[in-house]
């Protein structure tokens, strides 16, 4: 999942050490029109914005499935 840094509003991967505190994003902001707009090296494993978007959609879907499974089982401690 992408994360927006609370310090400078830059966009990072969720496991990037440079992000610090931040807000999770389910998609990249509209202002990001090319992979070059993502300044941090944490994005270097991706070749295109399409690849990043596919990854974000997959993670969002996976999170929803995890929530659904937990909710169905009645696991209220950590449904997501």
PDB file of N, CA and C in Angstrom:
ATOM      1  N   UNK A   1       0.843  -1.174   0.000  1.00  0.00           N
ATOM      2  CA  UNK A   1       0.000   0.000   0.000  1.00  0.00           C
ATOM      3  C   UNK A   1       0.888   1.238   0.000  1.00  0.00           C
ATOM      4  N   UNK A   2       0.456   2.253  -0.673  1.00  0.00           N
ATOM      5  CA  UNK A   2       1.183   3.517  -0.695  1.00  0.00           C
ATOM      6  C   UNK A   2       0.892   4.278   0.596  1.00  0.00           C
ATOM      7  N   UNK A   3       1.863   5.054   1.021  1.00  0.00           N
ATOM      8  CA  UNK A   3       1.726   5.846   2.246  1.00  0.00           C
ATOM      9  C   UNK A   3       2.212   7.256   1.977  1.00  0.00           C
ATOM     10  N   UNK A   4       1.420   8.247   2.413  1.00  0.00           N
ATOM     11  CA  UNK A   4       1.819   9.641   2.292  1.00  0.00           C
ATOM     12  C   UNK A   4       2.482  10.082   3.586  1.00  0.00           C
ATOM     13  N   UNK A   5       3.687  10.588   3.467  1.00  0.00           N
ATOM     14  CA  UNK A   5       4.440  11.044   4.633  1.00  0.00           C
ATOM     15  C   UNK A   5       3.763  12.255   5.264  1.00  0.00           C
ATOM     16  N   UNK A   6       3.648  12.241   6.577  1.00  0.00           N
ATOM     17  CA  UNK A   6       3.065  13.373   7.299  1.00  0.00           C
ATOM     18  C   UNK A   6       4.024  14.559   7.323  1.00  0.00           C
ATOM     19  N   UNK A   7       5.308  14.296   7.143  1.00  0.00           N
ATOM     20  CA  UNK A   7       6.301  15.370   7.196  1.00  0.00           C
ATOM     21  C   UNK A   7       6.285  16.258   5.959  1.00  0.00           C
ATOM     22  N   UNK A   8       6.331  15.647   4.780  1.00  0.00           N
ATOM     23  CA  UNK A   8       6.455  16.446   3.557  1.00  0.00           C
ATOM     24  C   UNK A   8       5.467  16.043   2.458  1.00  0.00           C
ATOM     25  N   UNK A   9       4.500  15.185   2.793  1.00  0.00           N
ATOM     26  CA  UNK A   9       3.457  14.734   1.878  1.00  0.00           C
ATOM     27  C   UNK A   9       3.999  13.959   0.676  1.00  0.00           C
ATOM     28  N   UNK A  10       5.224  13.452   0.773  1.00  0.00           N
ATOM     29  CA  UNK A  10       5.765  12.615  -0.287  1.00  0.00           C
ATOM     30  C   UNK A  10       5.129  11.224  -0.198  1.00  0.00           C
ATOM     31  N   UNK A  11       5.157  10.511  -1.316  1.00  0.00           N
ATOM     32  CA  UNK A  11       4.507   9.204  -1.405  1.00  0.00           C
ATOM     33  C   UNK A  11       5.576   8.112  -1.367  1.00  0.00           C
ATOM     34  N   UNK A  12       5.338   7.093  -0.533  1.00  0.00           N
ATOM     35  CA  UNK A  12       6.288   6.000  -0.338  1.00  0.00           C
ATOM     36  C   UNK A  12       5.538   4.678  -0.301  1.00  0.00           C
ATOM     37  N   UNK A  13       6.293   3.574  -0.403  1.00  0.00           N
ATOM     38  CA  UNK A  13       5.705   2.267  -0.138  1.00  0.00           C
ATOM     39  C   UNK A  13       5.511   2.157   1.372  1.00  0.00           C
ATOM     40  N   UNK A  14       4.642   1.268   1.806  1.00  0.00           N
ATOM     41  CA  UNK A  14       4.332   1.181   3.230  1.00  0.00           C
ATOM     42  C   UNK A  14       5.511   0.730   4.087  1.00  0.00           C
ATOM     43  N   UNK A  15       6.455   0.015   3.496  1.00  0.00           N
ATOM     44  CA  UNK A  15       7.590  -0.473   4.276  1.00  0.00           C
ATOM     45  C   UNK A  15       8.853   0.384   4.112  1.00  0.00           C
ATOM     46  N   UNK A  16       8.720   1.532   3.477  1.00  0.00           N
ATOM     47  CA  UNK A  16       9.860   2.424   3.264  1.00  0.00           C
ATOM     48  C   UNK A  16      10.278   3.083   4.579  1.00  0.00           C
ATOM     49  N   UNK A  17      11.556   3.017   4.933  1.00  0.00           N
ATOM     50  CA  UNK A  17      12.009   3.633   6.179  1.00  0.00           C
ATOM     51  C   UNK A  17      11.948   5.161   6.150  1.00  0.00           C
ATOM     52  N   UNK A  18      11.876   5.758   4.971  1.00  0.00           N
ATOM     53  CA  UNK A  18      11.846   7.218   4.864  1.00  0.00           C
ATOM     54  C   UNK A  18      10.473   7.809   5.149  1.00  0.00           C
ATOM     55  N   UNK A  19       9.443   6.993   5.186  1.00  0.00           N
ATOM     56  CA  UNK A  19       8.084   7.527   5.312  1.00  0.00           C
ATOM     57  C   UNK A  19       7.778   8.050   6.719  1.00  0.00           C
ATOM     58  N   UNK A  20       8.348   7.459   7.758  1.00  0.00           N
ATOM     59  CA  UNK A  20       8.026   7.896   9.121  1.00  0.00           C
ATOM     60  C   UNK A  20       6.549   7.715   9.393  1.00  0.00           C
ATOM     61  N   UNK A  21       5.944   8.701  10.039  1.00  0.00           N
ATOM     62  CA  UNK A  21       4.498   8.665  10.248  1.00  0.00           C
ATOM     63  C   UNK A  21       3.815   9.050   8.947  1.00  0.00           C
ATOM     64  N   UNK A  22       2.714   8.409   8.668  1.00  0.00           N
ATOM     65  CA  UNK A  22       2.040   8.729   7.432  1.00  0.00           C
ATOM     66  C   UNK A  22       0.625   8.206   7.389  1.00  0.00           C
ATOM     67  N   UNK A  23      -0.023   8.498   6.267  1.00  0.00           N
ATOM     68  CA  UNK A  23      -1.402   8.101   6.062  1.00  0.00           C
ATOM     69  C   UNK A  23      -1.453   7.099   4.912  1.00  0.00           C
ATOM     70  N   UNK A  24      -2.036   5.930   5.131  1.00  0.00           N
ATOM     71  CA  UNK A  24      -2.156   4.950   4.052  1.00  0.00           C
ATOM     72  C   UNK A  24      -3.048   5.477   2.926  1.00  0.00           C
ATOM     73  N   UNK A  25      -2.682   5.162   1.701  1.00  0.00           N
ATOM     74  CA  UNK A  25      -3.450   5.550   0.524  1.00  0.00           C
ATOM     75  C   UNK A  25      -3.864   4.290  -0.228  1.00  0.00           C
ATOM     76  N   UNK A  26      -5.076   4.273  -0.728  1.00  0.00           N
ATOM     77  CA  UNK A  26      -5.512   3.115  -1.508  1.00  0.00           C
ATOM     78  C   UNK A  26      -5.153   3.268  -2.984  1.00  0.00           C
ATOM     79  N   UNK A  27      -4.756   4.469  -3.378  1.00  0.00           N
ATOM     80  CA  UNK A  27      -4.361   4.722  -4.756  1.00  0.00           C
ATOM     81  C   UNK A  27      -3.403   5.904  -4.776  1.00  0.00           C
ATOM     82  N   UNK A  28      -2.685   6.062  -5.848  1.00  0.00           N
ATOM     83  CA  UNK A  28      -1.783   7.200  -5.985  1.00  0.00           C
ATOM     84  C   UNK A  28      -2.589   8.467  -6.272  1.00  0.00           C
ATOM     85  N   UNK A  29      -2.123   9.618  -5.807  1.00  0.00           N
ATOM     86  CA  UNK A  29      -2.824  10.873  -6.098  1.00  0.00           C
ATOM     87  C   UNK A  29      -2.859  11.163  -7.606  1.00  0.00           C
ATOM     88  N   UNK A  30      -3.841  11.936  -8.045  1.00  0.00           N
ATOM     89  CA  UNK A  30      -3.972  12.281  -9.461  1.00  0.00           C
ATOM     90  C   UNK A  30      -2.755  13.032  -9.989  1.00  0.00           C
ATOM     91  N   UNK A  31      -2.047  13.731  -9.114  1.00  0.00           N
ATOM     92  CA  UNK A  31      -0.873  14.495  -9.521  1.00  0.00           C
ATOM     93  C   UNK A  31       0.288  13.609  -9.983  1.00  0.00           C
ATOM     94  N   UNK A  32       0.259  12.354  -9.604  1.00  0.00           N
ATOM     95  CA  UNK A  32       1.304  11.417 -10.025  1.00  0.00           C
ATOM     96  C   UNK A  32       0.909  10.879 -11.395  1.00  0.00           C
ATOM     97  N   UNK A  33       1.611  11.353 -12.425  1.00  0.00           N
ATOM     98  CA  UNK A  33       1.279  10.960 -13.799  1.00  0.00           C
ATOM     99  C   UNK A  33       2.329  10.072 -14.437  1.00  0.00           C
ATOM    100  N   UNK A  34       3.487   9.956 -13.788  1.00  0.00           N
ATOM    101  CA  UNK A  34       4.524   9.046 -14.279  1.00  0.00           C
ATOM    102  C   UNK A  34       5.321   8.539 -13.085  1.00  0.00           C
ATOM    103  N   UNK A  35       6.037   7.470 -13.292  1.00  0.00           N
ATOM    104  CA  UNK A  35       6.821   6.886 -12.200  1.00  0.00           C
ATOM    105  C   UNK A  35       7.924   7.853 -11.752  1.00  0.00           C
ATOM    106  N   UNK A  36       8.332   8.749 -12.623  1.00  0.00           N
ATOM    107  CA  UNK A  36       9.351   9.744 -12.268  1.00  0.00           C
ATOM    108  C   UNK A  36       8.836  10.748 -11.235  1.00  0.00           C
ATOM    109  N   UNK A  37       7.509  10.851 -11.085  1.00  0.00           N
ATOM    110  CA  UNK A  37       6.930  11.744 -10.070  1.00  0.00           C
ATOM    111  C   UNK A  37       7.130  11.209  -8.653  1.00  0.00           C
ATOM    112  N   UNK A  38       7.488   9.940  -8.544  1.00  0.00           N
ATOM    113  CA  UNK A  38       7.722   9.316  -7.242  1.00  0.00           C
ATOM    114  C   UNK A  38       9.224   9.369  -6.966  1.00  0.00           C
ATOM    115  N   UNK A  39       9.620  10.308  -6.126  1.00  0.00           N
ATOM    116  CA  UNK A  39      11.039  10.621  -5.938  1.00  0.00           C
ATOM    117  C   UNK A  39      11.836   9.596  -5.140  1.00  0.00           C
ATOM    118  N   UNK A  40      11.196   8.863  -4.268  1.00  0.00           N
ATOM    119  CA  UNK A  40      11.916   7.972  -3.359  1.00  0.00           C
ATOM    120  C   UNK A  40      12.374   6.687  -4.067  1.00  0.00           C
ATOM    121  N   UNK A  41      13.516   6.171  -3.638  1.00  0.00           N
ATOM    122  CA  UNK A  41      14.060   4.927  -4.183  1.00  0.00           C
ATOM    123  C   UNK A  41      13.184   3.712  -3.871  1.00  0.00           C
ATOM    124  N   UNK A  42      12.274   3.836  -2.920  1.00  0.00           N
ATOM    125  CA  UNK A  42      11.431   2.687  -2.556  1.00  0.00           C
ATOM    126  C   UNK A  42      10.565   2.229  -3.728  1.00  0.00           C
ATOM    127  N   UNK A  43      10.394   3.065  -4.740  1.00  0.00           N
ATOM    128  CA  UNK A  43       9.599   2.706  -5.909  1.00  0.00           C
ATOM    129  C   UNK A  43      10.425   2.060  -7.013  1.00  0.00           C
ATOM    130  N   UNK A  44      11.726   1.906  -6.809  1.00  0.00           N
ATOM    131  CA  UNK A  44      12.605   1.409  -7.869  1.00  0.00           C
ATOM    132  C   UNK A  44      12.321  -0.037  -8.287  1.00  0.00           C
ATOM    133  N   UNK A  45      11.653  -0.802  -7.444  1.00  0.00           N
ATOM    134  CA  UNK A  45      11.333  -2.184  -7.818  1.00  0.00           C
ATOM    135  C   UNK A  45      10.211  -2.264  -8.850  1.00  0.00           C
ATOM    136  N   UNK A  46       9.532  -1.149  -9.095  1.00  0.00           N
ATOM    137  CA  UNK A  46       8.436  -1.100 -10.063  1.00  0.00           C
ATOM    138  C   UNK A  46       8.918  -0.477 -11.361  1.00  0.00           C
ATOM    139  N   UNK A  47       8.360  -0.951 -12.474  1.00  0.00           N
ATOM    140  CA  UNK A  47       8.750  -0.452 -13.790  1.00  0.00           C
ATOM    141  C   UNK A  47       7.787   0.591 -14.351  1.00  0.00           C
ATOM    142  N   UNK A  48       6.559   0.632 -13.825  1.00  0.00           N
ATOM    143  CA  UNK A  48       5.565   1.550 -14.383  1.00  0.00           C
ATOM    144  C   UNK A  48       4.490   1.875 -13.350  1.00  0.00           C
ATOM    145  N   UNK A  49       3.730   2.940 -13.639  1.00  0.00           N
ATOM    146  CA  UNK A  49       2.596   3.267 -12.769  1.00  0.00           C
ATOM    147  C   UNK A  49       1.525   2.185 -12.838  1.00  0.00           C
ATOM    148  N   UNK A  50       1.373   1.570 -13.998  1.00  0.00           N
ATOM    149  CA  UNK A  50       0.402   0.483 -14.133  1.00  0.00           C
ATOM    150  C   UNK A  50       0.732  -0.660 -13.184  1.00  0.00           C
ATOM    151  N   UNK A  51       2.005  -1.001 -13.078  1.00  0.00           N
ATOM    152  CA  UNK A  51       2.423  -2.070 -12.174  1.00  0.00           C
ATOM    153  C   UNK A  51       2.143  -1.693 -10.719  1.00  0.00           C
ATOM    154  N   UNK A  52       2.399  -0.444 -10.372  1.00  0.00           N
ATOM    155  CA  UNK A  52       2.117   0.032  -9.007  1.00  0.00           C
ATOM    156  C   UNK A  52       0.620  -0.018  -8.745  1.00  0.00           C
ATOM    157  N   UNK A  53      -0.175   0.462  -9.677  1.00  0.00           N
ATOM    158  CA  UNK A  53      -1.631   0.473  -9.509  1.00  0.00           C
ATOM    159  C   UNK A  53      -2.192  -0.932  -9.353  1.00  0.00           C
ATOM    160  N   UNK A  54      -1.693  -1.880 -10.163  1.00  0.00           N
ATOM    161  CA  UNK A  54      -2.130  -3.269 -10.039  1.00  0.00           C
ATOM    162  C   UNK A  54      -1.801  -3.816  -8.656  1.00  0.00           C
ATOM    163  N   UNK A  55      -0.624  -3.490  -8.161  1.00  0.00           N
ATOM    164  CA  UNK A  55      -0.203  -3.940  -6.835  1.00  0.00           C
ATOM    165  C   UNK A  55      -1.112  -3.345  -5.753  1.00  0.00           C
ATOM    166  N   UNK A  56      -1.433  -2.055  -5.869  1.00  0.00           N
ATOM    167  CA  UNK A  56      -2.296  -1.408  -4.880  1.00  0.00           C
ATOM    168  C   UNK A  56      -3.699  -1.994  -4.897  1.00  0.00           C
ATOM    169  N   UNK A  57      -4.228  -2.273  -6.075  1.00  0.00           N
ATOM    170  CA  UNK A  57      -5.560  -2.880  -6.180  1.00  0.00           C
ATOM    171  C   UNK A  57      -5.542  -4.272  -5.563  1.00  0.00           C
ATOM    172  N   UNK A  58      -4.494  -5.048  -5.831  1.00  0.00           N
ATOM    173  CA  UNK A  58      -4.373  -6.382  -5.255  1.00  0.00           C
ATOM    174  C   UNK A  58      -4.361  -6.312  -3.726  1.00  0.00           C
ATOM    175  N   UNK A  59      -3.543  -5.400  -3.160  1.00  0.00           N
ATOM    176  CA  UNK A  59      -3.467  -5.286  -1.709  1.00  0.00           C
ATOM    177  C   UNK A  59      -4.781  -4.827  -1.110  1.00  0.00           C
ATOM    178  N   UNK A  60      -5.470  -3.902  -1.786  1.00  0.00           N
ATOM    179  CA  UNK A  60      -6.762  -3.427  -1.299  1.00  0.00           C
ATOM    180  C   UNK A  60      -7.781  -4.565  -1.318  1.00  0.00           C
ATOM    181  N   UNK A  61      -7.784  -5.359  -2.381  1.00  0.00           N
ATOM    182  CA  UNK A  61      -8.687  -6.509  -2.479  1.00  0.00           C
ATOM    183  C   UNK A  61      -8.354  -7.543  -1.409  1.00  0.00           C
ATOM    184  N   UNK A  62      -7.074  -7.813  -1.233  1.00  0.00           N
ATOM    185  CA  UNK A  62      -6.647  -8.777  -0.218  1.00  0.00           C
ATOM    186  C   UNK A  62      -7.077  -8.321   1.167  1.00  0.00           C
ATOM    187  N   UNK A  63      -6.925  -7.040   1.467  1.00  0.00           N
ATOM    188  CA  UNK A  63      -7.359  -6.505   2.756  1.00  0.00           C
ATOM    189  C   UNK A  63      -8.851  -6.668   2.957  1.00  0.00           C
ATOM    190  N   UNK A  64      -9.634  -6.430   1.903  1.00  0.00           N
ATOM    191  CA  UNK A  64     -11.075  -6.611   1.985  1.00  0.00           C
ATOM    192  C   UNK A  64     -11.453  -8.057   2.221  1.00  0.00           C
ATOM    193  N   UNK A  65     -10.735  -8.974   1.549  1.00  0.00           N
ATOM    194  CA  UNK A  65     -11.007 -10.395   1.757  1.00  0.00           C
ATOM    195  C   UNK A  65     -10.655 -10.817   3.173  1.00  0.00           C
ATOM    196  N   UNK A  66      -9.555 -10.299   3.700  1.00  0.00           N
ATOM    197  CA  UNK A  66      -9.177 -10.628   5.069  1.00  0.00           C
ATOM    198  C   UNK A  66     -10.235 -10.111   6.039  1.00  0.00           C
ATOM    199  N   UNK A  67     -10.736  -8.889   5.795  1.00  0.00           N
ATOM    200  CA  UNK A  67     -11.771  -8.341   6.665  1.00  0.00           C
ATOM    201  C   UNK A  67     -13.021  -9.204   6.580  1.00  0.00           C
ATOM    202  N   UNK A  68     -13.421  -9.571   5.374  1.00  0.00           N
ATOM    203  CA  UNK A  68     -14.634 -10.376   5.208  1.00  0.00           C
ATOM    204  C   UNK A  68     -14.515 -11.714   5.920  1.00  0.00           C
ATOM    205  N   UNK A  69     -13.376 -12.370   5.776  1.00  0.00           N
ATOM    206  CA  UNK A  69     -13.173 -13.667   6.413  1.00  0.00           C
ATOM    207  C   UNK A  69     -13.226 -13.528   7.929  1.00  0.00           C
ATOM    208  N   UNK A  70     -12.562 -12.512   8.475  1.00  0.00           N
ATOM    209  CA  UNK A  70     -12.567 -12.305   9.921  1.00  0.00           C
ATOM    210  C   UNK A  70     -13.963 -11.969  10.415  1.00  0.00           C
ATOM    211  N   UNK A  71     -14.657 -11.125   9.660  1.00  0.00           N
ATOM    212  CA  UNK A  71     -16.008 -10.725  10.052  1.00  0.00           C
ATOM    213  C   UNK A  71     -16.938 -11.938  10.030  1.00  0.00           C
ATOM    214  N   UNK A  72     -16.802 -12.778   9.013  1.00  0.00           N
ATOM    215  CA  UNK A  72     -17.639 -13.964   8.903  1.00  0.00           C
ATOM    216  C   UNK A  72     -17.401 -14.906  10.071  1.00  0.00           C
ATOM    217  N   UNK A  73     -16.139 -15.026  10.506  1.00  0.00           N
ATOM    218  CA  UNK A  73     -15.823 -15.904  11.636  1.00  0.00           C
ATOM    219  C   UNK A  73     -16.250 -15.288  12.961  1.00  0.00           C
ATOM    220  N   UNK A  74     -16.545 -14.006  12.960  1.00  0.00           N
ATOM    221  CA  UNK A  74     -16.914 -13.348  14.200  1.00  0.00           C
ATOM    222  C   UNK A  74     -15.714 -12.847  14.977  1.00  0.00           C
ATOM    223  N   UNK A  75     -14.564 -12.728  14.325  1.00  0.00           N
ATOM    224  CA  UNK A  75     -13.349 -12.238  14.976  1.00  0.00           C
ATOM    225  C   UNK A  75     -13.429 -10.722  15.097  1.00  0.00           C
ATOM    226  N   UNK A  76     -13.846 -10.239  16.223  1.00  0.00           N
ATOM    227  CA  UNK A  76     -14.026  -8.795  16.408  1.00  0.00           C
ATOM    228  C   UNK A  76     -12.784  -8.099  16.936  1.00  0.00           C
ATOM    229  N   UNK A  77     -11.772  -8.861  17.342  1.00  0.00           N
ATOM    230  CA  UNK A  77     -10.566  -8.252  17.906  1.00  0.00           C
ATOM    231  C   UNK A  77      -9.808  -7.439  16.854  1.00  0.00           C
ATOM    232  N   UNK A  78      -9.628  -7.990  15.674  1.00  0.00           N
ATOM    233  CA  UNK A  78      -8.928  -7.289  14.617  1.00  0.00           C
ATOM    234  C   UNK A  78      -9.521  -7.705  13.282  1.00  0.00           C
ATOM    235  N   UNK A  79     -10.667  -7.115  12.902  1.00  0.00           N
ATOM    236  CA  UNK A  79     -11.352  -7.573  11.721  1.00  0.00           C
ATOM    237  C   UNK A  79     -10.621  -7.318  10.416  1.00  0.00           C
ATOM    238  N   UNK A  80      -9.601  -6.499  10.412  1.00  0.00           N
ATOM    239  CA  UNK A  80      -8.897  -6.268   9.153  1.00  0.00           C
ATOM    240  C   UNK A  80      -7.486  -6.570   9.317  1.00  0.00           C
TER     241      UNK A  80
END
